[in-house]
């Protein structure tokens, strides 16, 4: 069920990008970041036995999706040093 909501949000973001900038190609867009935040809850009550009331929290959320048409940055290669060499350097100091 949540995948349907996310798909709609992404399609809406693509449509917004196209309508705001007519020169953008929708095939070059990719999802840069996507996250879901907690939104304010609606507080309701439900009638319970003996005239009391039980709380009901109707929870909501905010979906944020950032699209980009720039090329993805390439990952930098990290030079790895063997643990024995690191231990030898630390022992010398």
PDB file of N, CA and C in Angstrom:
ATOM      1  N   UNK A   1       0.821  -1.192   0.000  1.00  0.00           N
ATOM      2  CA  UNK A   1       0.000   0.000   0.000  1.00  0.00           C
ATOM      3  C   UNK A   1       0.867   1.260   0.000  1.00  0.00           C
ATOM      4  N   UNK A   2       1.935   1.237   0.787  1.00  0.00           N
ATOM      5  CA  UNK A   2       2.778   2.434   0.854  1.00  0.00           C
ATOM      6  C   UNK A   2       3.530   2.665  -0.456  1.00  0.00           C
ATOM      7  N   UNK A   3       3.792   1.600  -1.202  1.00  0.00           N
ATOM      8  CA  UNK A   3       4.490   1.780  -2.480  1.00  0.00           C
ATOM      9  C   UNK A   3       3.624   2.552  -3.473  1.00  0.00           C
ATOM     10  N   UNK A   4       2.310   2.396  -3.380  1.00  0.00           N
ATOM     11  CA  UNK A   4       1.397   3.132  -4.255  1.00  0.00           C
ATOM     12  C   UNK A   4       1.478   4.626  -3.949  1.00  0.00           C
ATOM     13  N   UNK A   5       1.515   4.968  -2.673  1.00  0.00           N
ATOM     14  CA  UNK A   5       1.595   6.371  -2.260  1.00  0.00           C
ATOM     15  C   UNK A   5       2.919   6.977  -2.714  1.00  0.00           C
ATOM     16  N   UNK A   6       4.019   6.245  -2.553  1.00  0.00           N
ATOM     17  CA  UNK A   6       5.321   6.750  -2.984  1.00  0.00           C
ATOM     18  C   UNK A   6       5.385   6.908  -4.504  1.00  0.00           C
ATOM     19  N   UNK A   7       4.810   5.973  -5.235  1.00  0.00           N
ATOM     20  CA  UNK A   7       4.788   6.072  -6.691  1.00  0.00           C
ATOM     21  C   UNK A   7       4.026   7.325  -7.127  1.00  0.00           C
ATOM     22  N   UNK A   8       2.892   7.603  -6.472  1.00  0.00           N
ATOM     23  CA  UNK A   8       2.113   8.799  -6.797  1.00  0.00           C
ATOM     24  C   UNK A   8       2.902  10.065  -6.485  1.00  0.00           C
ATOM     25  N   UNK A   9       3.631  10.065  -5.362  1.00  0.00           N
ATOM     26  CA  UNK A   9       4.425  11.238  -4.989  1.00  0.00           C
ATOM     27  C   UNK A   9       5.542  11.484  -6.001  1.00  0.00           C
ATOM     28  N   UNK A  10       6.190  10.425  -6.462  1.00  0.00           N
ATOM     29  CA  UNK A  10       7.267  10.576  -7.450  1.00  0.00           C
ATOM     30  C   UNK A  10       6.701  11.073  -8.783  1.00  0.00           C
ATOM     31  N   UNK A  11       5.567  10.505  -9.216  1.00  0.00           N
ATOM     32  CA  UNK A  11       4.949  10.968 -10.466  1.00  0.00           C
ATOM     33  C   UNK A  11       4.524  12.427 -10.357  1.00  0.00           C
ATOM     34  N   UNK A  12       4.025  12.827  -9.191  1.00  0.00           N
ATOM     35  CA  UNK A  12       3.641  14.219  -8.976  1.00  0.00           C
ATOM     36  C   UNK A  12       4.860  15.133  -9.039  1.00  0.00           C
ATOM     37  N   UNK A  13       5.982  14.684  -8.460  1.00  0.00           N
ATOM     38  CA  UNK A  13       7.217  15.465  -8.515  1.00  0.00           C
ATOM     39  C   UNK A  13       7.724  15.633  -9.936  1.00  0.00           C
ATOM     40  N   UNK A  14       7.628  14.583 -10.740  1.00  0.00           N
ATOM     41  CA  UNK A  14       8.047  14.666 -12.140  1.00  0.00           C
ATOM     42  C   UNK A  14       7.152  15.640 -12.897  1.00  0.00           C
ATOM     43  N   UNK A  15       5.836  15.557 -12.661  1.00  0.00           N
ATOM     44  CA  UNK A  15       4.902  16.467 -13.326  1.00  0.00           C
ATOM     45  C   UNK A  15       5.167  17.916 -12.916  1.00  0.00           C
ATOM     46  N   UNK A  16       5.471  18.148 -11.635  1.00  0.00           N
ATOM     47  CA  UNK A  16       5.783  19.503 -11.172  1.00  0.00           C
ATOM     48  C   UNK A  16       7.056  20.021 -11.824  1.00  0.00           C
ATOM     49  N   UNK A  17       8.070  19.165 -11.942  1.00  0.00           N
ATOM     50  CA  UNK A  17       9.334  19.585 -12.558  1.00  0.00           C
ATOM     51  C   UNK A  17       9.121  19.954 -14.025  1.00  0.00           C
ATOM     52  N   UNK A  18       8.305  19.187 -14.718  1.00  0.00           N
ATOM     53  CA  UNK A  18       8.041  19.466 -16.130  1.00  0.00           C
ATOM     54  C   UNK A  18       7.248  20.762 -16.288  1.00  0.00           C
ATOM     55  N   UNK A  19       6.250  20.973 -15.428  1.00  0.00           N
ATOM     56  CA  UNK A  19       5.420  22.173 -15.568  1.00  0.00           C
ATOM     57  C   UNK A  19       6.169  23.442 -15.179  1.00  0.00           C
ATOM     58  N   UNK A  20       7.118  23.341 -14.241  1.00  0.00           N
ATOM     59  CA  UNK A  20       7.858  24.527 -13.805  1.00  0.00           C
ATOM     60  C   UNK A  20       8.977  24.886 -14.773  1.00  0.00           C
ATOM     61  N   UNK A  21       9.654  23.890 -15.305  1.00  0.00           N
ATOM     62  CA  UNK A  21      10.710  24.141 -16.291  1.00  0.00           C
ATOM     63  C   UNK A  21      10.404  23.295 -17.516  1.00  0.00           C
ATOM     64  N   UNK A  22      10.006  23.920 -18.569  1.00  0.00           N
ATOM     65  CA  UNK A  22       9.582  23.206 -19.782  1.00  0.00           C
ATOM     66  C   UNK A  22      10.743  22.533 -20.506  1.00  0.00           C
ATOM     67  N   UNK A  23      11.983  22.914 -20.185  1.00  0.00           N
ATOM     68  CA  UNK A  23      13.133  22.379 -20.914  1.00  0.00           C
ATOM     69  C   UNK A  23      13.653  21.072 -20.333  1.00  0.00           C
ATOM     70  N   UNK A  24      13.111  20.623 -19.219  1.00  0.00           N
ATOM     71  CA  UNK A  24      13.650  19.430 -18.551  1.00  0.00           C
ATOM     72  C   UNK A  24      13.127  18.162 -19.235  1.00  0.00           C
ATOM     73  N   UNK A  25      13.986  17.169 -19.323  1.00  0.00           N
ATOM     74  CA  UNK A  25      13.624  15.885 -19.908  1.00  0.00           C
ATOM     75  C   UNK A  25      13.250  14.936 -18.765  1.00  0.00           C
ATOM     76  N   UNK A  26      12.034  14.408 -18.729  1.00  0.00           N
ATOM     77  CA  UNK A  26      11.636  13.542 -17.617  1.00  0.00           C
ATOM     78  C   UNK A  26      12.424  12.233 -17.546  1.00  0.00           C
ATOM     79  N   UNK A  27      13.046  11.828 -18.651  1.00  0.00           N
ATOM     80  CA  UNK A  27      13.825  10.588 -18.648  1.00  0.00           C
ATOM     81  C   UNK A  27      15.153  10.742 -17.917  1.00  0.00           C
ATOM     82  N   UNK A  28      15.629  11.984 -17.739  1.00  0.00           N
ATOM     83  CA  UNK A  28      16.910  12.203 -17.061  1.00  0.00           C
ATOM     84  C   UNK A  28      16.749  12.433 -15.564  1.00  0.00           C
ATOM     85  N   UNK A  29      15.515  12.525 -15.078  1.00  0.00           N
ATOM     86  CA  UNK A  29      15.295  12.766 -13.648  1.00  0.00           C
ATOM     87  C   UNK A  29      15.559  11.505 -12.839  1.00  0.00           C
ATOM     88  N   UNK A  30      16.132  11.692 -11.668  1.00  0.00           N
ATOM     89  CA  UNK A  30      16.342  10.591 -10.736  1.00  0.00           C
ATOM     90  C   UNK A  30      16.081  11.091  -9.324  1.00  0.00           C
ATOM     91  N   UNK A  31      15.788  10.191  -8.406  1.00  0.00           N
ATOM     92  CA  UNK A  31      15.461  10.552  -7.028  1.00  0.00           C
ATOM     93  C   UNK A  31      16.755  10.793  -6.275  1.00  0.00           C
ATOM     94  N   UNK A  32      16.963  12.044  -5.861  1.00  0.00           N
ATOM     95  CA  UNK A  32      18.175  12.401  -5.132  1.00  0.00           C
ATOM     96  C   UNK A  32      18.033  12.005  -3.667  1.00  0.00           C
ATOM     97  N   UNK A  33      16.937  12.402  -3.037  1.00  0.00           N
ATOM     98  CA  UNK A  33      16.640  11.995  -1.663  1.00  0.00           C
ATOM     99  C   UNK A  33      15.144  11.768  -1.529  1.00  0.00           C
ATOM    100  N   UNK A  34      14.796  10.879  -0.638  1.00  0.00           N
ATOM    101  CA  UNK A  34      13.393  10.615  -0.326  1.00  0.00           C
ATOM    102  C   UNK A  34      13.304  10.205   1.136  1.00  0.00           C
ATOM    103  N   UNK A  35      12.419  10.859   1.868  1.00  0.00           N
ATOM    104  CA  UNK A  35      12.233  10.490   3.268  1.00  0.00           C
ATOM    105  C   UNK A  35      10.822  10.812   3.718  1.00  0.00           C
ATOM    106  N   UNK A  36      10.414  10.179   4.809  1.00  0.00           N
ATOM    107  CA  UNK A  36       9.083  10.366   5.380  1.00  0.00           C
ATOM    108  C   UNK A  36       9.258  10.859   6.805  1.00  0.00           C
ATOM    109  N   UNK A  37       8.600  11.983   7.115  1.00  0.00           N
ATOM    110  CA  UNK A  37       8.662  12.563   8.455  1.00  0.00           C
ATOM    111  C   UNK A  37       7.318  12.405   9.155  1.00  0.00           C
ATOM    112  N   UNK A  38       7.374  12.504  10.467  1.00  0.00           N
ATOM    113  CA  UNK A  38       6.174  12.434  11.276  1.00  0.00           C
ATOM    114  C   UNK A  38       5.420  13.758  11.186  1.00  0.00           C
ATOM    115  N   UNK A  39       4.106  13.691  11.052  1.00  0.00           N
ATOM    116  CA  UNK A  39       3.262  14.884  10.987  1.00  0.00           C
ATOM    117  C   UNK A  39       2.402  14.948  12.252  1.00  0.00           C
ATOM    118  N   UNK A  40       1.759  16.074  12.503  1.00  0.00           N
ATOM    119  CA  UNK A  40       0.888  16.167  13.679  1.00  0.00           C
ATOM    120  C   UNK A  40      -0.236  15.128  13.629  1.00  0.00           C
ATOM    121  N   UNK A  41      -0.560  14.581  14.783  1.00  0.00           N
ATOM    122  CA  UNK A  41      -1.615  13.576  14.876  1.00  0.00           C
ATOM    123  C   UNK A  41      -2.948  14.242  15.194  1.00  0.00           C
ATOM    124  N   UNK A  42      -4.011  13.702  14.624  1.00  0.00           N
ATOM    125  CA  UNK A  42      -5.355  14.159  14.965  1.00  0.00           C
ATOM    126  C   UNK A  42      -5.803  13.393  16.197  1.00  0.00           C
ATOM    127  N   UNK A  43      -6.227  14.112  17.223  1.00  0.00           N
ATOM    128  CA  UNK A  43      -6.631  13.469  18.472  1.00  0.00           C
ATOM    129  C   UNK A  43      -8.155  13.398  18.516  1.00  0.00           C
ATOM    130  N   UNK A  44      -8.671  12.192  18.615  1.00  0.00           N
ATOM    131  CA  UNK A  44     -10.107  11.952  18.680  1.00  0.00           C
ATOM    132  C   UNK A  44     -10.396  11.080  19.892  1.00  0.00           C
ATOM    133  N   UNK A  45     -11.683  10.981  20.252  1.00  0.00           N
ATOM    134  CA  UNK A  45     -12.054  10.103  21.361  1.00  0.00           C
ATOM    135  C   UNK A  45     -13.106   9.111  20.882  1.00  0.00           C
ATOM    136  N   UNK A  46     -13.135   7.985  21.557  1.00  0.00           N
ATOM    137  CA  UNK A  46     -14.091   6.927  21.252  1.00  0.00           C
ATOM    138  C   UNK A  46     -14.834   6.607  22.534  1.00  0.00           C
ATOM    139  N   UNK A  47     -16.122   6.479  22.446  1.00  0.00           N
ATOM    140  CA  UNK A  47     -16.922   6.162  23.627  1.00  0.00           C
ATOM    141  C   UNK A  47     -16.569   4.768  24.131  1.00  0.00           C
ATOM    142  N   UNK A  48     -16.407   4.668  25.447  1.00  0.00           N
ATOM    143  CA  UNK A  48     -16.059   3.390  26.063  1.00  0.00           C
ATOM    144  C   UNK A  48     -17.102   3.057  27.131  1.00  0.00           C
ATOM    145  N   UNK A  49     -16.904   1.956  27.788  1.00  0.00           N
ATOM    146  CA  UNK A  49     -17.877   1.515  28.787  1.00  0.00           C
ATOM    147  C   UNK A  49     -17.904   2.451  29.995  1.00  0.00           C
ATOM    148  N   UNK A  50     -19.020   2.454  30.696  1.00  0.00           N
ATOM    149  CA  UNK A  50     -19.247   3.240  31.918  1.00  0.00           C
ATOM    150  C   UNK A  50     -19.113   4.747  31.687  1.00  0.00           C
ATOM    151  N   UNK A  51     -19.413   5.198  30.499  1.00  0.00           N
ATOM    152  CA  UNK A  51     -19.405   6.627  30.218  1.00  0.00           C
ATOM    153  C   UNK A  51     -18.027   7.242  30.067  1.00  0.00           C
ATOM    154  N   UNK A  52     -17.001   6.415  29.947  1.00  0.00           N
ATOM    155  CA  UNK A  52     -15.644   6.960  29.789  1.00  0.00           C
ATOM    156  C   UNK A  52     -15.301   7.069  28.301  1.00  0.00           C
ATOM    157  N   UNK A  53     -14.152   7.643  28.023  1.00  0.00           N
ATOM    158  CA  UNK A  53     -13.725   7.828  26.635  1.00  0.00           C
ATOM    159  C   UNK A  53     -12.296   7.324  26.475  1.00  0.00           C
ATOM    160  N   UNK A  54     -12.048   6.656  25.369  1.00  0.00           N
ATOM    161  CA  UNK A  54     -10.703   6.178  25.047  1.00  0.00           C
ATOM    162  C   UNK A  54     -10.123   7.064  23.942  1.00  0.00           C
ATOM    163  N   UNK A  55      -8.827   7.393  24.040  1.00  0.00           N
ATOM    164  CA  UNK A  55      -8.232   8.251  23.006  1.00  0.00           C
ATOM    165  C   UNK A  55      -7.943   7.467  21.718  1.00  0.00           C
ATOM    166  N   UNK A  56      -8.081   8.159  20.601  1.00  0.00           N
ATOM    167  CA  UNK A  56      -7.711   7.625  19.294  1.00  0.00           C
ATOM    168  C   UNK A  56      -6.749   8.623  18.671  1.00  0.00           C
ATOM    169  N   UNK A  57      -5.589   8.155  18.216  1.00  0.00           N
ATOM    170  CA  UNK A  57      -4.622   9.005  17.530  1.00  0.00           C
ATOM    171  C   UNK A  57      -4.612   8.627  16.054  1.00  0.00           C
ATOM    172  N   UNK A  58      -5.017   9.568  15.219  1.00  0.00           N
ATOM    173  CA  UNK A  58      -4.970   9.343  13.774  1.00  0.00           C
ATOM    174  C   UNK A  58      -3.671   9.947  13.275  1.00  0.00           C
ATOM    175  N   UNK A  59      -2.697   9.083  13.040  1.00  0.00           N
ATOM    176  CA  UNK A  59      -1.351   9.541  12.695  1.00  0.00           C
ATOM    177  C   UNK A  59      -1.247   9.900  11.219  1.00  0.00           C
ATOM    178  N   UNK A  60      -0.430  10.912  10.938  1.00  0.00           N
ATOM    179  CA  UNK A  60      -0.176  11.374   9.575  1.00  0.00           C
ATOM    180  C   UNK A  60       1.324  11.423   9.331  1.00  0.00           C
ATOM    181  N   UNK A  61       1.710  11.646   8.080  1.00  0.00           N
ATOM    182  CA  UNK A  61       3.132  11.757   7.756  1.00  0.00           C
ATOM    183  C   UNK A  61       3.326  12.700   6.578  1.00  0.00           C
ATOM    184  N   UNK A  62       4.538  13.250   6.490  1.00  0.00           N
ATOM    185  CA  UNK A  62       4.936  14.107   5.381  1.00  0.00           C
ATOM    186  C   UNK A  62       5.914  13.325   4.511  1.00  0.00           C
ATOM    187  N   UNK A  63       5.675  13.292   3.207  1.00  0.00           N
ATOM    188  CA  UNK A  63       6.578  12.625   2.270  1.00  0.00           C
ATOM    189  C   UNK A  63       7.351  13.701   1.521  1.00  0.00           C
ATOM    190  N   UNK A  64       8.677  13.616   1.556  1.00  0.00           N
ATOM    191  CA  UNK A  64       9.527  14.570   0.848  1.00  0.00           C
ATOM    192  C   UNK A  64      10.365  13.811  -0.169  1.00  0.00           C
ATOM    193  N   UNK A  65      10.267  14.231  -1.424  1.00  0.00           N
ATOM    194  CA  UNK A  65      11.040  13.609  -2.497  1.00  0.00           C
ATOM    195  C   UNK A  65      11.742  14.715  -3.272  1.00  0.00           C
ATOM    196  N   UNK A  66      13.061  14.610  -3.403  1.00  0.00           N
ATOM    197  CA  UNK A  66      13.850  15.594  -4.145  1.00  0.00           C
ATOM    198  C   UNK A  66      14.343  14.925  -5.422  1.00  0.00           C
ATOM    199  N   UNK A  67      13.980  15.515  -6.553  1.00  0.00           N
ATOM    200  CA  UNK A  67      14.406  14.994  -7.854  1.00  0.00           C
ATOM    201  C   UNK A  67      15.529  15.855  -8.407  1.00  0.00           C
ATOM    202  N   UNK A  68      16.404  15.252  -9.195  1.00  0.00           N
ATOM    203  CA  UNK A  68      17.507  15.985  -9.806  1.00  0.00           C
ATOM    204  C   UNK A  68      17.700  15.483 -11.225  1.00  0.00           C
ATOM    205  N   UNK A  69      18.144  16.384 -12.099  1.00  0.00           N
ATOM    206  CA  UNK A  69      18.448  15.966 -13.468  1.00  0.00           C
ATOM    207  C   UNK A  69      19.945  15.984 -13.727  1.00  0.00           C
ATOM    208  N   UNK A  70      20.726  16.311 -12.708  1.00  0.00           N
ATOM    209  CA  UNK A  70      22.182  16.299 -12.837  1.00  0.00           C
ATOM    210  C   UNK A  70      22.681  14.865 -12.797  1.00  0.00           C
ATOM    211  N   UNK A  71      23.872  14.666 -13.327  1.00  0.00           N
ATOM    212  CA  UNK A  71      24.454  13.329 -13.292  1.00  0.00           C
ATOM    213  C   UNK A  71      24.811  12.969 -11.860  1.00  0.00           C
ATOM    214  N   UNK A  72      24.714  11.689 -11.554  1.00  0.00           N
ATOM    215  CA  UNK A  72      25.044  11.232 -10.214  1.00  0.00           C
ATOM    216  C   UNK A  72      26.536  11.404  -9.970  1.00  0.00           C
ATOM    217  N   UNK A  73      26.914  11.904  -8.789  1.00  0.00           N
ATOM    218  CA  UNK A  73      28.347  12.044  -8.511  1.00  0.00           C
ATOM    219  C   UNK A  73      28.988  10.667  -8.359  1.00  0.00           C
ATOM    220  N   UNK A  74      30.169  10.537  -8.919  1.00  0.00           N
ATOM    221  CA  UNK A  74      30.874   9.263  -8.823  1.00  0.00           C
ATOM    222  C   UNK A  74      31.482   9.121  -7.438  1.00  0.00           C
ATOM    223  N   UNK A  75      31.483   7.908  -6.944  1.00  0.00           N
ATOM    224  CA  UNK A  75      32.053   7.662  -5.623  1.00  0.00           C
ATOM    225  C   UNK A  75      33.568   7.724  -5.704  1.00  0.00           C
ATOM    226  N   UNK A  76      34.163   8.355  -4.700  1.00  0.00           N
ATOM    227  CA  UNK A  76      35.618   8.436  -4.653  1.00  0.00           C
ATOM    228  C   UNK A  76      36.168   7.118  -4.133  1.00  0.00           C
ATOM    229  N   UNK A  77      37.240   6.677  -4.746  1.00  0.00           N
ATOM    230  CA  UNK A  77      37.866   5.445  -4.294  1.00  0.00           C
ATOM    231  C   UNK A  77      38.705   5.734  -3.063  1.00  0.00           C
ATOM    232  N   UNK A  78      38.547   4.899  -2.063  1.00  0.00           N
ATOM    233  CA  UNK A  78      39.276   5.064  -0.810  1.00  0.00           C
ATOM    234  C   UNK A  78      40.458   4.103  -0.809  1.00  0.00           C
ATOM    235  N   UNK A  79      41.612   4.648  -0.515  1.00  0.00           N
ATOM    236  CA  UNK A  79      42.803   3.815  -0.442  1.00  0.00           C
ATOM    237  C   UNK A  79      42.803   3.118   0.913  1.00  0.00           C
ATOM    238  N   UNK A  80      42.838   1.815   0.883  1.00  0.00           N
ATOM    239  CA  UNK A  80      42.794   1.043   2.122  1.00  0.00           C
ATOM    240  C   UNK A  80      44.200   0.605   2.512  1.00  0.00           C
ATOM    241  N   UNK A  81      44.471   0.704   3.790  1.00  0.00           N
ATOM    242  CA  UNK A  81      45.768   0.318   4.322  1.00  0.00           C
ATOM    243  C   UNK A  81      45.555  -0.917   5.189  1.00  0.00           C
ATOM    244  N   UNK A  82      46.438  -1.857   5.073  1.00  0.00           N
ATOM    245  CA  UNK A  82      46.325  -3.084   5.851  1.00  0.00           C
ATOM    246  C   UNK A  82      46.427  -2.779   7.337  1.00  0.00           C
ATOM    247  N   UNK A  83      45.749  -3.572   8.153  1.00  0.00           N
ATOM    248  CA  UNK A  83      45.742  -3.344   9.600  1.00  0.00           C
ATOM    249  C   UNK A  83      47.133  -3.504  10.200  1.00  0.00           C
ATOM    250  N   UNK A  84      47.909  -4.421   9.672  1.00  0.00           N
ATOM    251  CA  UNK A  84      49.255  -4.634  10.207  1.00  0.00           C
ATOM    252  C   UNK A  84      50.121  -3.401   9.985  1.00  0.00           C
ATOM    253  N   UNK A  85      49.981  -2.777   8.822  1.00  0.00           N
ATOM    254  CA  UNK A  85      50.764  -1.571   8.539  1.00  0.00           C
ATOM    255  C   UNK A  85      50.343  -0.430   9.457  1.00  0.00           C
ATOM    256  N   UNK A  86      49.045  -0.315   9.744  1.00  0.00           N
ATOM    257  CA  UNK A  86      48.568   0.733  10.650  1.00  0.00           C
ATOM    258  C   UNK A  86      49.108   0.496  12.053  1.00  0.00           C
ATOM    259  N   UNK A  87      49.085  -0.754  12.496  1.00  0.00           N
ATOM    260  CA  UNK A  87      49.573  -1.081  13.832  1.00  0.00           C
ATOM    261  C   UNK A  87      51.065  -0.783  13.943  1.00  0.00           C
ATOM    262  N   UNK A  88      51.817  -1.044  12.881  1.00  0.00           N
ATOM    263  CA  UNK A  88      53.252  -0.769  12.892  1.00  0.00           C
ATOM    264  C   UNK A  88      53.505   0.731  12.971  1.00  0.00           C
ATOM    265  N   UNK A  89      52.721   1.528  12.266  1.00  0.00           N
ATOM    266  CA  UNK A  89      52.880   2.982  12.310  1.00  0.00           C
ATOM    267  C   UNK A  89      52.555   3.526  13.691  1.00  0.00           C
ATOM    268  N   UNK A  90      51.515   2.994  14.324  1.00  0.00           N
ATOM    269  CA  UNK A  90      51.126   3.451  15.660  1.00  0.00           C
ATOM    270  C   UNK A  90      52.187   3.049  16.679  1.00  0.00           C
ATOM    271  N   UNK A  91      52.758   1.858  16.529  1.00  0.00           N
ATOM    272  CA  UNK A  91      53.775   1.379  17.464  1.00  0.00           C
ATOM    273  C   UNK A  91      55.048   2.214  17.371  1.00  0.00           C
ATOM    274  N   UNK A  92      55.373   2.717  16.179  1.00  0.00           N
ATOM    275  CA  UNK A  92      56.574   3.529  16.008  1.00  0.00           C
ATOM    276  C   UNK A  92      56.445   4.872  16.710  1.00  0.00           C
ATOM    277  N   UNK A  93      55.258   5.420  16.752  1.00  0.00           N
ATOM    278  CA  UNK A  93      55.041   6.754  17.323  1.00  0.00           C
ATOM    279  C   UNK A  93      54.988   6.676  18.786  1.00  0.00           C
TER     280      UNK A  93
END
